[in-house]
Structure formats: structure tokens, C-alpha cells
């Protein structure tokens, strides 16, 4: 799809993903309120490199490429803030790819659990309890490996006492 706008996210949740092959995709980011997406396409090419799908009711607004370029060229402070946000986004995606390449499927699944524990975890005497349901399908989609592989890894960890329901 041709890049025409940068999208700001007012409310809800949007999944940014890359299709790897038919019926198999990799979640690049999950964007929430007061966030944005389309930054790579808007500043780096003619077409968006990823797709987006609302996973909760969302309210979005878009700023055309020409307008955002003009706004950023006129405001050094805003440009600096935007550059920092962009660097954080790229670092997060780089970490995800590194985890998968360096540690394989098991490391990628572990990385998802670590992210969930950082976002939704509560420290208890028994360990960290993740307050949001962790679905095999979501993990599979997040790291682009089969549900069967994710299930095998999760079941292995349950048998080893590493995780529990």
C-alpha cells in the first residue's frame, strides 16, 4: 500500500505485523493509545513495509506525509522527541529479532513471557503472576512459529515446573 500518512493512535490497540508467508505472520509491534505507526514507510519509502489490524476498538487519525514533514521541520523539540520514539521502536524490534535468531523458538517464547511479565506481572511469594491470559495462538502469531511448537515448549516448561496455570 502506498505511504501517504503517519497514523496516530488515540485509543484501543493495533497490531503491526509482517506477513512471512501465507497464513503466517510476525507481530512487529503492538501499538496502544498515544502511540503511532507508519514511521518506516512515511520516511523510508514509497510503500508501507508492514500491515496493521485493530485488535481492540480503536480510534486513529492520520497526518499526511507532507504535513508531518513540515511540522517536524519547524519544531526542533518535536523532531527530537519523534527521533527518540523512533529509536526506541527500532530497538524493540531489533531485540525481538535478536531473541529469535540467537535463542531459537524456545528463546522467542521465553521473550514473550518476559514481556508479558513486565507488562502484566504481579510479584507474589511464589513468583510472578501474569494477570492477562497468555494464549498459545497469540504467542504463535507474535513470533511467527506454529501453535504446535509453542504448545510443546509451554508444556515442557509446565512439566519442568518453570510455569504453571
Foldseek 3Di string as FASTA:
>chain_A
DFAWWKKAWAAAKKWKWAAPDVPFIATLDIDGHRDIDPVCRLPPHGDRRIDMDGPTDTDMDIDTSVVVVVVCVVDVVVVVVVVVSVVVSVVSSVVLVCQCVVPNPLSNLVVVVVVQCVVQWDQDPVGTDRPDDDDLVVSCRNGGHDSVVSVVSVVVCVVVVVDDD
